[in-house]
């Protein structure tokens, strides 16, 4: 499935895109290597399970299971030669994904464990073995890496769906409901972000006007469930405005707020916040963007459009009344519990 690019990527050549890129929390379009992720790589200690596997498969009691029988540098060379990742970062922090490699061996075979983490949280552990006495450690490392990559491809380990499931994040695929049509707008598709904390995005397109777009983003907020809605929702808009101001300044656009951030009520009982922005220049048409934020359970529902509030208001009203979001995930329950314990400790 192709990536759903943010509005800014779809219309990068227009000034409209320069404004919307900061008003819509959409995912980044990625170049397609095998995997578009950076990968930090480290050596780690063998687990008890790996040690027992090595011991059990010895043909002679005189054999010794040797830790790091294959130098980690050989695994790094094999990973680099695979061209599977956008960037490899041996023994270097900075990537969301980290691969920890442990290995043991004896003359009868080589045994490795590939542990994949996302921001320090384990999402996959793959034990592998290769029994061939006639190959070098370079060759053995290459075979084991190829076996791991094949397993990764088969299980779709680097997909967003796998990541969300492994971390026990919300199941937006099954539990998020958004309407197929809103007036003359039709749902294009819903996609998960690369980051579970950014949730999912749904795009709507207009039947006649290609620059008329609606994005609906649903994501968990990090604060405690007891947080006040006004404080929570206003903060979402302030972040958007700060980013929009930076881009407008860099592109010589004059940014204003025809509809400043303020509470916004739907059907007398649904209260959110709304902001309407306008970007102007002497050489380009005036650009508009409207953003609405609401709370549903432990989720933020953000509706972003490329037109003024007087046209966006009816659409936002209809959308927020019909959207159903996933319940609080195991991941977010655990995070909020840790945050609460940390606060109490302070």
Foldseek 3Di string as FASTA:
>chain_A
DADDAFLLVVPVVDVLSLQVVLVDPDAHHADDWLAAFEEEEEEDEDDPVQVVVQVVPDPDPPWDKAWCPQPVVLLVVLVVVVRNYPHYHYPDDDTQKYWYKTWIHTLQWIKMWIWIGGNNHTQDIDIDIDGDNPDDSSVVSNVVNVVVVVVCVVVVCQDQQSVCVSLQAFDCVPFKDFDQDQVQWGWPDKDAHSDLQFGIKIKIAGPPDRQKIKIKTKGFDQADLPDDQVVVQLVVVVSSVVSSVVSLVVVVKDKDWPADWDWDDAPNPFIWIKTKMWIDDPPDDIWIKIWIWGDDARMIIIMITGDGCVVCVVRVNVGVVPITGTHGTPNSVVSNVVVVVVVVVD
